[in-house]
Amino acid sequence: MKWANSLVPDMKIKNLKDKALSDGQFLIKLCAGVEPRAINYDIVMAGETDEEKANNAKYVISIARKLGAVVFGVWEDIVNVNYKMILVIICSLFSIQKEMQAAQ
């Protein structure tokens, strides 16, 4: 949690069950913290409706996979705040960032 919150300075989450995760905004910004060029902000939605949340969640999974993360969950896991699947995404992004830092 500390690592994830440090990469997203304008948003903080309390834990992996935080309902603020349902709109996908935090996870999108976390992906941007790992690789800023991976995000196309023209695609990112506000996450106010169920459809916008679903689109953001699908985009999070797409970005994470593009970065090399192994994602077992589906977009519904993000929208429904399935903390176990969100943990897998965050841990995968953490591992990717450490690998990128080691390669430099």
C-alpha atoms as a PDB file:
ATOM      1  CA  MET A   1       0.000   0.000   0.000  1.00  0.00           C
ATOM      2  CA  LYS A   2       2.801   2.364   0.885  1.00  0.00           C
ATOM      3  CA  TRP A   3       4.476   1.783  -2.493  1.00  0.00           C
ATOM      4  CA  ALA A   4       1.245   2.219  -4.447  1.00  0.00           C
ATOM      5  CA  ASN A   5       0.289   5.394  -2.593  1.00  0.00           C
ATOM      6  CA  SER A   6       3.784   6.805  -3.159  1.00  0.00           C
ATOM      7  CA  LEU A   7       3.390   6.441  -6.946  1.00  0.00           C
ATOM      8  CA  VAL A   8      -0.019   8.137  -6.969  1.00  0.00           C
ATOM      9  CA  PRO A   9       0.556  11.378  -5.059  1.00  0.00           C
ATOM     10  CA  ASP A  10      -2.837  12.974  -5.796  1.00  0.00           C
ATOM     11  CA  MET A  11      -4.897   9.977  -4.584  1.00  0.00           C
ATOM     12  CA  LYS A  12      -4.507   7.781  -1.536  1.00  0.00           C
ATOM     13  CA  ILE A  13      -6.259   4.552  -0.731  1.00  0.00           C
ATOM     14  CA  LYS A  14      -6.658   3.161   2.772  1.00  0.00           C
ATOM     15  CA  ASN A  15      -6.564  -0.517   1.873  1.00  0.00           C
ATOM     16  CA  LEU A  16      -7.321  -2.939  -0.941  1.00  0.00           C
ATOM     17  CA  LYS A  17     -11.023  -2.932  -0.066  1.00  0.00           C
ATOM     18  CA  ASP A  18     -11.307   0.848  -0.538  1.00  0.00           C
ATOM     19  CA  LYS A  19     -14.386   1.557  -2.669  1.00  0.00           C
ATOM     20  CA  ALA A  20     -12.460   4.395  -4.358  1.00  0.00           C
ATOM     21  CA  LEU A  21     -10.724   1.671  -6.401  1.00  0.00           C
ATOM     22  CA  SER A  22     -13.953   0.824  -8.241  1.00  0.00           C
ATOM     23  CA  ASP A  23     -13.643   3.651 -10.786  1.00  0.00           C
ATOM     24  CA  GLY A  24     -10.194   2.472 -11.946  1.00  0.00           C
ATOM     25  CA  GLN A  25      -8.627   5.923 -11.584  1.00  0.00           C
ATOM     26  CA  PHE A  26      -6.138   4.907  -8.882  1.00  0.00           C
ATOM     27  CA  LEU A  27      -4.966   1.857 -10.811  1.00  0.00           C
ATOM     28  CA  ILE A  28      -4.610   3.857 -14.034  1.00  0.00           C
ATOM     29  CA  LYS A  29      -2.480   6.406 -12.203  1.00  0.00           C
ATOM     30  CA  LEU A  30      -0.487   3.584 -10.635  1.00  0.00           C
ATOM     31  CA  CYS A  31       0.255   2.218 -14.118  1.00  0.00           C
ATOM     32  CA  ALA A  32       1.314   5.734 -15.113  1.00  0.00           C
ATOM     33  CA  GLY A  33       3.635   5.798 -12.113  1.00  0.00           C
ATOM     34  CA  VAL A  34       5.329   2.657 -13.397  1.00  0.00           C
ATOM     35  CA  GLU A  35       5.461   3.791 -17.048  1.00  0.00           C
ATOM     36  CA  PRO A  36       4.040   7.257 -17.835  1.00  0.00           C
ATOM     37  CA  ARG A  37       4.053   6.681 -21.600  1.00  0.00           C
ATOM     38  CA  ALA A  38       1.696   3.700 -21.285  1.00  0.00           C
ATOM     39  CA  ILE A  39      -1.383   5.833 -20.593  1.00  0.00           C
ATOM     40  CA  ASN A  40      -3.502   7.594 -23.181  1.00  0.00           C
ATOM     41  CA  TYR A  41      -5.520  10.010 -21.055  1.00  0.00           C
ATOM     42  CA  ASP A  42      -7.930  10.648 -23.933  1.00  0.00           C
ATOM     43  CA  ILE A  43      -9.320   7.155 -23.259  1.00  0.00           C
ATOM     44  CA  VAL A  44      -9.581   7.498 -19.469  1.00  0.00           C
ATOM     45  CA  MET A  45     -13.077   8.313 -18.231  1.00  0.00           C
ATOM     46  CA  ALA A  46     -14.270  10.000 -15.034  1.00  0.00           C
ATOM     47  CA  GLY A  47     -15.672   6.757 -13.646  1.00  0.00           C
ATOM     48  CA  GLU A  48     -18.966   8.264 -12.574  1.00  0.00           C
ATOM     49  CA  THR A  49     -21.267   5.744 -14.275  1.00  0.00           C
ATOM     50  CA  ASP A  50     -21.130   1.954 -14.320  1.00  0.00           C
ATOM     51  CA  GLU A  51     -20.174   2.039 -18.005  1.00  0.00           C
ATOM     52  CA  GLU A  52     -17.282   4.455 -17.382  1.00  0.00           C
ATOM     53  CA  LYS A  53     -16.057   2.311 -14.477  1.00  0.00           C
ATOM     54  CA  ALA A  54     -16.174  -0.773 -16.697  1.00  0.00           C
ATOM     55  CA  ASN A  55     -14.237   0.955 -19.486  1.00  0.00           C
ATOM     56  CA  ASN A  56     -11.582   2.211 -17.060  1.00  0.00           C
ATOM     57  CA  ALA A  57     -11.256  -1.253 -15.510  1.00  0.00           C
ATOM     58  CA  LYS A  58     -10.813  -2.829 -18.949  1.00  0.00           C
ATOM     59  CA  TYR A  59      -8.194  -0.200 -19.760  1.00  0.00           C
ATOM     60  CA  VAL A  60      -6.315  -0.907 -16.506  1.00  0.00           C
ATOM     61  CA  ILE A  61      -6.070  -4.587 -17.379  1.00  0.00           C
ATOM     62  CA  SER A  62      -4.980  -3.755 -20.923  1.00  0.00           C
ATOM     63  CA  ILE A  63      -2.242  -1.402 -19.703  1.00  0.00           C
ATOM     64  CA  ALA A  64      -1.033  -3.810 -17.031  1.00  0.00           C
ATOM     65  CA  ARG A  65      -0.770  -6.610 -19.585  1.00  0.00           C
ATOM     66  CA  LYS A  66       1.007  -4.300 -22.030  1.00  0.00           C
ATOM     67  CA  LEU A  67       3.553  -3.537 -19.308  1.00  0.00           C
ATOM     68  CA  GLY A  68       4.073  -7.276 -18.810  1.00  0.00           C
ATOM     69  CA  ALA A  69       1.893  -7.949 -15.778  1.00  0.00           C
ATOM     70  CA  VAL A  70       0.275 -11.316 -15.349  1.00  0.00           C
ATOM     71  CA  VAL A  71      -3.374 -10.498 -14.687  1.00  0.00           C
ATOM     72  CA  PHE A  72      -5.665 -13.365 -13.737  1.00  0.00           C
ATOM     73  CA  GLY A  73      -8.682 -11.233 -12.955  1.00  0.00           C
ATOM     74  CA  VAL A  74     -11.311  -9.645 -15.139  1.00  0.00           C
ATOM     75  CA  TRP A  75     -12.587  -6.085 -15.254  1.00  0.00           C
ATOM     76  CA  GLU A  76     -15.490  -6.934 -12.924  1.00  0.00           C
ATOM     77  CA  ASP A  77     -12.945  -7.636 -10.186  1.00  0.00           C
ATOM     78  CA  ILE A  78     -11.876  -3.997 -10.284  1.00  0.00           C
ATOM     79  CA  VAL A  79     -15.391  -2.561 -10.449  1.00  0.00           C
ATOM     80  CA  ASN A  80     -16.540  -4.830  -7.597  1.00  0.00           C
ATOM     81  CA  VAL A  81     -13.301  -4.167  -5.634  1.00  0.00           C
ATOM     82  CA  ASN A  82     -12.228  -7.788  -5.364  1.00  0.00           C
ATOM     83  CA  TYR A  83      -9.251  -7.110  -3.138  1.00  0.00           C
ATOM     84  CA  LYS A  84      -7.446 -10.349  -3.982  1.00  0.00           C
ATOM     85  CA  MET A  85      -7.374  -9.604  -7.711  1.00  0.00           C
ATOM     86  CA  ILE A  86      -6.468  -5.974  -7.083  1.00  0.00           C
ATOM     87  CA  LEU A  87      -3.596  -7.224  -4.923  1.00  0.00           C
ATOM     88  CA  VAL A  88      -2.380  -9.384  -7.829  1.00  0.00           C
ATOM     89  CA  ILE A  89      -2.445  -6.373 -10.184  1.00  0.00           C
ATOM     90  CA  ILE A  90      -0.613  -4.118  -7.723  1.00  0.00           C
ATOM     91  CA  CYS A  91       1.994  -6.796  -6.941  1.00  0.00           C
ATOM     92  CA  SER A  92       2.565  -7.416 -10.650  1.00  0.00           C
ATOM     93  CA  LEU A  93       3.059  -3.691 -11.262  1.00  0.00           C
ATOM     94  CA  PHE A  94       5.458  -3.532  -8.303  1.00  0.00           C
ATOM     95  CA  SER A  95       7.483  -6.404  -9.754  1.00  0.00           C
ATOM     96  CA  ILE A  96       7.541  -4.788 -13.203  1.00  0.00           C
ATOM     97  CA  GLN A  97       8.776  -1.503 -11.782  1.00  0.00           C
ATOM     98  CA  LYS A  98      11.570  -3.264  -9.869  1.00  0.00           C
ATOM     99  CA  GLU A  99      12.597  -5.126 -13.043  1.00  0.00           C
ATOM    100  CA  MET A 100      12.615  -1.853 -15.014  1.00  0.00           C
ATOM    101  CA  GLN A 101      14.751  -0.167 -12.352  1.00  0.00           C
ATOM    102  CA  ALA A 102      17.195  -3.083 -12.321  1.00  0.00           C
ATOM    103  CA  ALA A 103      17.534  -2.932 -16.105  1.00  0.00           C
ATOM    104  CA  GLN A 104      18.628   0.712 -16.031  1.00  0.00           C
END
